[in-house]
Amino acid sequence: MDFPVFADDLDVVLCDCGEEGVTVIVANGVNPESNRKTVALAKKYSLIKPALGYYPTHVWEDGLEAVRKELFWIERQRPVALGEIGLDYKECETESQKEMQRIIFKEFIALGKRLRVPLIIHSRKAEADVLAILEEEEAEKVILHCFMGKKKLVERARDLGYSFSIPVSVTKLDQLQWLVRHVPLRQLLTETDAPYLGPVRGERNTPANVRRSVERIASLVEMTVEDVANQLFMNYQRLF
């Protein structure tokens, strides 16, 4: 919610969320500047809860010393979750860049245990490594954000008890629809990844669109929208 595209009308965006039945927005920080903006937004708006993290590609861009300094700051803020964190191999050019991400990912997992908060995890082109590290480090309260791994990896994560956060693109992507049908509803959450991954390509996404995810999930699992929404909120309460 700290992106510039929301700067001029955030009050309106949040009002729209309330009208669509959104009761909580977990906003994710992705770097030091973003983390501080997220904390400020959470202090201003009761609807917003702060998750603080470090986007994987920023890790090797900024270096271990800078990231560890931010980890120390994050721990003192007592966020509701750690995110967005994880691995992203799409833009990595060297093995050392990947290794730096893995080092910091493990340190965030350890911090999550100390704070006893959920981990909101990014895993682009690195799904197998993400699951291997989570299992190796005995991670707790795992939320896989927009997970696009192969079916066998979805099943592995499901069997480990991890949760999956489903974006609005579930309305059109077969892969996400398969995931919804093969993971228990108690292990699902919803997200928008606003301002990205909106229902219409090229248009700004907002948290109010999460209702579209709930409606599509309801149709896939053959339940009412109300029952699905209630279960999703209970899932949130259990994790957070």
Foldseek 3Di string as FASTA:
>chain_A
DLDPVCVPPVVVLVVLLVVLPQQADEDEAAADVSQVSLLVVVVVDVRYFYAYEHHLQVDVVVDDVRRVVVVVVVLVVLGQEHDDAEAACPPDDDVVSRVSSLVVRLVRQVSCVVSVHAYEYDAHVNLVVRVVSCVVSVGPRYEYEPDQDDPVSLVVCLVVVAAYEAELCCVPDPSSLVSLLVHDLLRYAYDHPFQPPAPDPPHGHGRSSSLSVLVSSCVSNVHDSVVSVVSNVVSVVVRD
